[in-house]
Amino acid sequence: VESAAVLFKVKKEFAEYKAVGKTLALITTDAQGKISDVPTKVRIYVPNMVEGKDIKVIAYANITGNWAPTEVFGINHQDKTLDTLINGSSTICVVYK
């Protein structure tokens, strides 16, 4: 698992952000079990979520080899979950500032 410090060096725009926890490796598959290459909405549990902060998700797409921010659709602080998009095989890191 890659450290958040490495992520921040890759994306200077996230230099002020801190990782909420460890990175997560996620794979989305189609009905035949093949890795899906389309954006897929997923809900993830973030036990250390900090309410009142600017929360983002950074994703490393294994197919492209690039880190990029991904869209966050919803945050539920009470349930400590967030909804975001991932594409295929990705490693994500939830960050805040």
N, C-alpha and C. Protein backbone atom coordinates (compact mmCIF):
# COMPACT_ATOMS: atom_id res chain seq x y z
N VAL A 1 0.85 -1.18 0.00
CA VAL A 1 0.00 0.00 0.00
C VAL A 1 0.88 1.23 0.00
N GLU A 2 0.61 2.11 -0.90
CA GLU A 2 1.41 3.32 -1.05
C GLU A 2 1.05 4.35 0.02
N SER A 3 2.03 5.07 0.51
CA SER A 3 1.75 6.04 1.56
C SER A 3 1.14 7.30 0.98
N ALA A 4 0.41 8.02 1.81
CA ALA A 4 -0.23 9.26 1.38
C ALA A 4 0.81 10.30 0.99
N ALA A 5 1.98 10.28 1.61
CA ALA A 5 3.02 11.25 1.28
C ALA A 5 3.42 11.14 -0.18
N VAL A 6 3.47 9.92 -0.70
CA VAL A 6 3.80 9.72 -2.10
C VAL A 6 2.72 10.33 -2.99
N LEU A 7 1.47 10.13 -2.58
CA LEU A 7 0.36 10.69 -3.36
C LEU A 7 0.47 12.20 -3.45
N PHE A 8 0.81 12.84 -2.36
CA PHE A 8 0.87 14.30 -2.33
C PHE A 8 2.01 14.83 -3.19
N LYS A 9 3.09 14.09 -3.27
CA LYS A 9 4.19 14.51 -4.13
C LYS A 9 3.78 14.43 -5.59
N VAL A 10 2.96 13.45 -5.91
CA VAL A 10 2.50 13.27 -7.28
C VAL A 10 1.53 14.39 -7.66
N LYS A 11 0.67 14.76 -6.76
CA LYS A 11 -0.33 15.79 -7.03
C LYS A 11 -0.11 16.97 -6.08
N LYS A 12 0.62 17.98 -6.53
CA LYS A 12 0.93 19.13 -5.69
C LYS A 12 -0.33 19.83 -5.18
N GLU A 13 -1.41 19.73 -5.95
CA GLU A 13 -2.65 20.39 -5.53
C GLU A 13 -3.20 19.82 -4.23
N PHE A 14 -2.72 18.66 -3.81
CA PHE A 14 -3.18 18.05 -2.57
C PHE A 14 -2.16 18.17 -1.44
N ALA A 15 -1.18 19.03 -1.61
CA ALA A 15 -0.11 19.17 -0.63
C ALA A 15 -0.63 19.55 0.76
N GLU A 16 -1.73 20.29 0.83
CA GLU A 16 -2.28 20.73 2.12
C GLU A 16 -3.23 19.71 2.74
N TYR A 17 -3.51 18.65 2.01
CA TYR A 17 -4.45 17.63 2.49
C TYR A 17 -3.72 16.57 3.31
N LYS A 18 -4.47 15.94 4.20
CA LYS A 18 -3.96 14.84 5.01
C LYS A 18 -4.81 13.61 4.74
N ALA A 19 -4.19 12.46 4.77
CA ALA A 19 -4.92 11.22 4.55
C ALA A 19 -5.82 10.93 5.75
N VAL A 20 -7.04 10.51 5.48
CA VAL A 20 -7.97 10.12 6.55
C VAL A 20 -7.58 8.75 7.10
N GLY A 21 -7.04 7.91 6.26
CA GLY A 21 -6.63 6.56 6.65
C GLY A 21 -5.69 6.00 5.60
N LYS A 22 -5.64 4.70 5.50
CA LYS A 22 -4.79 4.03 4.52
C LYS A 22 -5.44 4.07 3.14
N THR A 23 -4.64 3.79 2.12
CA THR A 23 -5.19 3.66 0.78
C THR A 23 -6.00 2.37 0.69
N LEU A 24 -6.95 2.35 -0.24
CA LEU A 24 -7.80 1.17 -0.46
C LEU A 24 -7.65 0.73 -1.91
N ALA A 25 -7.45 -0.55 -2.13
CA ALA A 25 -7.42 -1.10 -3.48
C ALA A 25 -8.81 -1.64 -3.79
N LEU A 26 -9.40 -1.16 -4.89
CA LEU A 26 -10.76 -1.57 -5.28
C LEU A 26 -10.75 -2.04 -6.73
N ILE A 27 -11.53 -3.07 -6.99
CA ILE A 27 -11.70 -3.56 -8.36
C ILE A 27 -13.19 -3.68 -8.63
N THR A 28 -13.63 -3.09 -9.73
CA THR A 28 -15.03 -3.25 -10.15
C THR A 28 -15.04 -4.21 -11.33
N THR A 29 -16.01 -5.12 -11.31
CA THR A 29 -16.10 -6.11 -12.39
C THR A 29 -17.49 -6.11 -13.01
N ASP A 30 -17.56 -6.61 -14.22
CA ASP A 30 -18.86 -6.76 -14.88
C ASP A 30 -19.47 -8.11 -14.51
N ALA A 31 -20.59 -8.44 -15.10
CA ALA A 31 -21.32 -9.67 -14.76
C ALA A 31 -20.51 -10.93 -15.08
N GLN A 32 -19.56 -10.82 -16.01
CA GLN A 32 -18.73 -11.98 -16.37
C GLN A 32 -17.45 -12.05 -15.53
N GLY A 33 -17.27 -11.12 -14.61
CA GLY A 33 -16.10 -11.12 -13.75
C GLY A 33 -14.88 -10.41 -14.31
N LYS A 34 -15.03 -9.77 -15.47
CA LYS A 34 -13.93 -9.01 -16.05
C LYS A 34 -13.86 -7.64 -15.41
N ILE A 35 -12.65 -7.09 -15.30
CA ILE A 35 -12.50 -5.75 -14.73
C ILE A 35 -13.26 -4.76 -15.59
N SER A 36 -14.11 -3.98 -14.97
CA SER A 36 -14.94 -3.01 -15.67
C SER A 36 -14.11 -1.77 -16.01
N ASP A 37 -14.24 -1.29 -17.23
CA ASP A 37 -13.49 -0.10 -17.63
C ASP A 37 -14.39 1.13 -17.73
N VAL A 38 -15.50 1.11 -17.02
CA VAL A 38 -16.40 2.26 -17.00
C VAL A 38 -16.49 2.80 -15.57
N PRO A 39 -16.70 4.11 -15.42
CA PRO A 39 -16.84 4.66 -14.08
C PRO A 39 -17.98 3.99 -13.32
N THR A 40 -17.71 3.60 -12.09
CA THR A 40 -18.68 2.90 -11.26
C THR A 40 -18.81 3.61 -9.93
N LYS A 41 -20.05 3.89 -9.52
CA LYS A 41 -20.28 4.53 -8.23
C LYS A 41 -20.14 3.50 -7.13
N VAL A 42 -19.32 3.82 -6.12
CA VAL A 42 -19.13 2.94 -4.98
C VAL A 42 -19.31 3.72 -3.68
N ARG A 43 -19.78 3.04 -2.67
CA ARG A 43 -19.90 3.62 -1.33
C ARG A 43 -18.83 2.98 -0.47
N ILE A 44 -18.01 3.82 0.15
CA ILE A 44 -16.96 3.28 1.01
C ILE A 44 -17.13 3.78 2.44
N TYR A 45 -16.75 2.94 3.35
CA TYR A 45 -16.79 3.25 4.78
C TYR A 45 -15.46 3.90 5.16
N VAL A 46 -15.54 5.06 5.81
CA VAL A 46 -14.35 5.81 6.22
C VAL A 46 -14.45 6.04 7.73
N PRO A 47 -13.92 5.11 8.54
CA PRO A 47 -14.11 5.18 9.98
C PRO A 47 -13.54 6.43 10.65
N ASN A 48 -12.53 7.04 10.04
CA ASN A 48 -11.89 8.22 10.63
C ASN A 48 -12.32 9.53 9.97
N MET A 49 -13.50 9.54 9.35
CA MET A 49 -13.96 10.72 8.65
C MET A 49 -14.07 11.91 9.60
N VAL A 50 -13.60 13.07 9.14
CA VAL A 50 -13.60 14.28 9.95
C VAL A 50 -14.68 15.22 9.43
N GLU A 51 -15.69 15.47 10.25
CA GLU A 51 -16.80 16.33 9.84
C GLU A 51 -16.34 17.79 9.81
N GLY A 52 -16.88 18.55 8.85
CA GLY A 52 -16.56 19.97 8.73
C GLY A 52 -15.30 20.26 7.95
N LYS A 53 -14.70 19.25 7.36
CA LYS A 53 -13.48 19.43 6.58
C LYS A 53 -13.78 19.26 5.09
N ASP A 54 -12.88 19.75 4.27
CA ASP A 54 -12.96 19.58 2.82
C ASP A 54 -12.43 18.20 2.49
N ILE A 55 -13.31 17.27 2.12
CA ILE A 55 -12.95 15.88 1.87
C ILE A 55 -12.91 15.62 0.37
N LYS A 56 -11.83 15.00 -0.06
CA LYS A 56 -11.63 14.63 -1.47
C LYS A 56 -11.20 13.17 -1.54
N VAL A 57 -11.29 12.61 -2.74
CA VAL A 57 -10.78 11.26 -2.99
C VAL A 57 -9.82 11.35 -4.16
N ILE A 58 -8.63 10.78 -3.96
CA ILE A 58 -7.63 10.69 -5.02
C ILE A 58 -7.59 9.23 -5.44
N ALA A 59 -7.58 8.98 -6.75
CA ALA A 59 -7.58 7.60 -7.24
C ALA A 59 -6.43 7.37 -8.22
N TYR A 60 -5.78 6.23 -8.06
CA TYR A 60 -4.75 5.78 -9.00
C TYR A 60 -5.39 4.72 -9.88
N ALA A 61 -5.54 5.04 -11.16
CA ALA A 61 -6.12 4.08 -12.11
C ALA A 61 -5.02 3.18 -12.63
N ASN A 62 -5.09 1.91 -12.31
CA ASN A 62 -4.05 0.97 -12.73
C ASN A 62 -3.93 0.88 -14.25
N ILE A 63 -5.03 1.09 -14.96
CA ILE A 63 -5.01 0.98 -16.41
C ILE A 63 -4.22 2.13 -17.06
N THR A 64 -4.24 3.32 -16.43
CA THR A 64 -3.53 4.48 -17.00
C THR A 64 -2.22 4.77 -16.29
N GLY A 65 -2.10 4.32 -15.04
CA GLY A 65 -0.89 4.62 -14.27
C GLY A 65 -0.85 6.04 -13.75
N ASN A 66 -2.01 6.68 -13.63
CA ASN A 66 -2.07 8.07 -13.19
C ASN A 66 -2.92 8.25 -11.94
N TRP A 67 -2.50 9.20 -11.09
CA TRP A 67 -3.30 9.63 -9.94
C TRP A 67 -4.14 10.81 -10.39
N ALA A 68 -5.38 10.87 -9.93
CA ALA A 68 -6.26 11.99 -10.25
C ALA A 68 -7.37 12.07 -9.21
N PRO A 69 -7.91 13.26 -8.99
CA PRO A 69 -9.06 13.35 -8.09
C PRO A 69 -10.26 12.67 -8.75
N THR A 70 -11.12 12.11 -7.94
CA THR A 70 -12.34 11.50 -8.45
C THR A 70 -13.54 12.19 -7.80
N GLU A 71 -14.65 12.18 -8.49
CA GLU A 71 -15.83 12.89 -8.01
C GLU A 71 -16.41 12.23 -6.76
N VAL A 72 -16.76 13.06 -5.78
CA VAL A 72 -17.45 12.59 -4.58
C VAL A 72 -18.90 13.04 -4.70
N PHE A 73 -19.82 12.09 -4.69
CA PHE A 73 -21.24 12.39 -4.88
C PHE A 73 -21.97 12.69 -3.58
N GLY A 74 -21.53 12.08 -2.52
CA GLY A 74 -22.22 12.29 -1.26
C GLY A 74 -21.36 11.85 -0.10
N ILE A 75 -21.56 12.55 1.02
CA ILE A 75 -20.85 12.21 2.25
C ILE A 75 -21.89 12.09 3.35
N ASN A 76 -21.85 10.99 4.08
CA ASN A 76 -22.74 10.79 5.22
C ASN A 76 -21.86 10.67 6.46
N HIS A 77 -21.75 11.80 7.20
CA HIS A 77 -20.88 11.82 8.38
C HIS A 77 -21.38 10.89 9.48
N GLN A 78 -22.70 10.77 9.62
CA GLN A 78 -23.25 9.91 10.66
C GLN A 78 -22.89 8.44 10.42
N ASP A 79 -23.02 7.99 9.17
CA ASP A 79 -22.70 6.61 8.83
C ASP A 79 -21.23 6.42 8.49
N LYS A 80 -20.50 7.54 8.36
CA LYS A 80 -19.07 7.53 8.01
C LYS A 80 -18.85 6.86 6.65
N THR A 81 -19.66 7.26 5.67
CA THR A 81 -19.53 6.73 4.31
C THR A 81 -19.45 7.88 3.32
N LEU A 82 -18.88 7.56 2.16
CA LEU A 82 -18.93 8.52 1.05
C LEU A 82 -19.13 7.74 -0.24
N ASP A 83 -19.77 8.41 -1.19
CA ASP A 83 -20.02 7.84 -2.51
C ASP A 83 -19.08 8.51 -3.50
N THR A 84 -18.39 7.69 -4.28
CA THR A 84 -17.43 8.22 -5.25
C THR A 84 -17.43 7.34 -6.49
N LEU A 85 -16.73 7.78 -7.52
CA LEU A 85 -16.59 7.00 -8.75
C LEU A 85 -15.20 6.40 -8.83
N ILE A 86 -15.13 5.13 -9.21
CA ILE A 86 -13.84 4.54 -9.56
C ILE A 86 -13.98 3.88 -10.91
N ASN A 87 -12.86 3.66 -11.55
CA ASN A 87 -12.86 3.08 -12.88
C ASN A 87 -12.00 1.83 -12.88
N GLY A 88 -12.62 0.67 -12.97
CA GLY A 88 -11.89 -0.58 -13.08
C GLY A 88 -11.11 -0.93 -11.83
N SER A 89 -9.81 -1.04 -11.99
CA SER A 89 -8.92 -1.39 -10.90
C SER A 89 -8.22 -0.12 -10.43
N SER A 90 -8.52 0.30 -9.21
CA SER A 90 -7.99 1.58 -8.70
C SER A 90 -7.55 1.44 -7.24
N THR A 91 -6.63 2.30 -6.88
CA THR A 91 -6.25 2.48 -5.49
C THR A 91 -6.70 3.88 -5.12
N ILE A 92 -7.43 4.00 -4.02
CA ILE A 92 -7.95 5.32 -3.65
C ILE A 92 -7.44 5.73 -2.27
N CYS A 93 -7.41 7.04 -2.07
CA CYS A 93 -7.02 7.60 -0.79
C CYS A 93 -8.00 8.74 -0.48
N VAL A 94 -8.66 8.66 0.66
CA VAL A 94 -9.55 9.73 1.11
C VAL A 94 -8.69 10.73 1.88
N VAL A 95 -8.79 12.01 1.48
CA VAL A 95 -7.99 13.05 2.10
C VAL A 95 -8.89 14.20 2.56
N TYR A 96 -8.35 15.02 3.46
CA TYR A 96 -9.10 16.19 3.94
C TYR A 96 -8.15 17.33 4.26
N LYS A 97 -8.72 18.55 4.31
CA LYS A 97 -7.96 19.70 4.83
C LYS A 97 -8.91 20.61 5.56
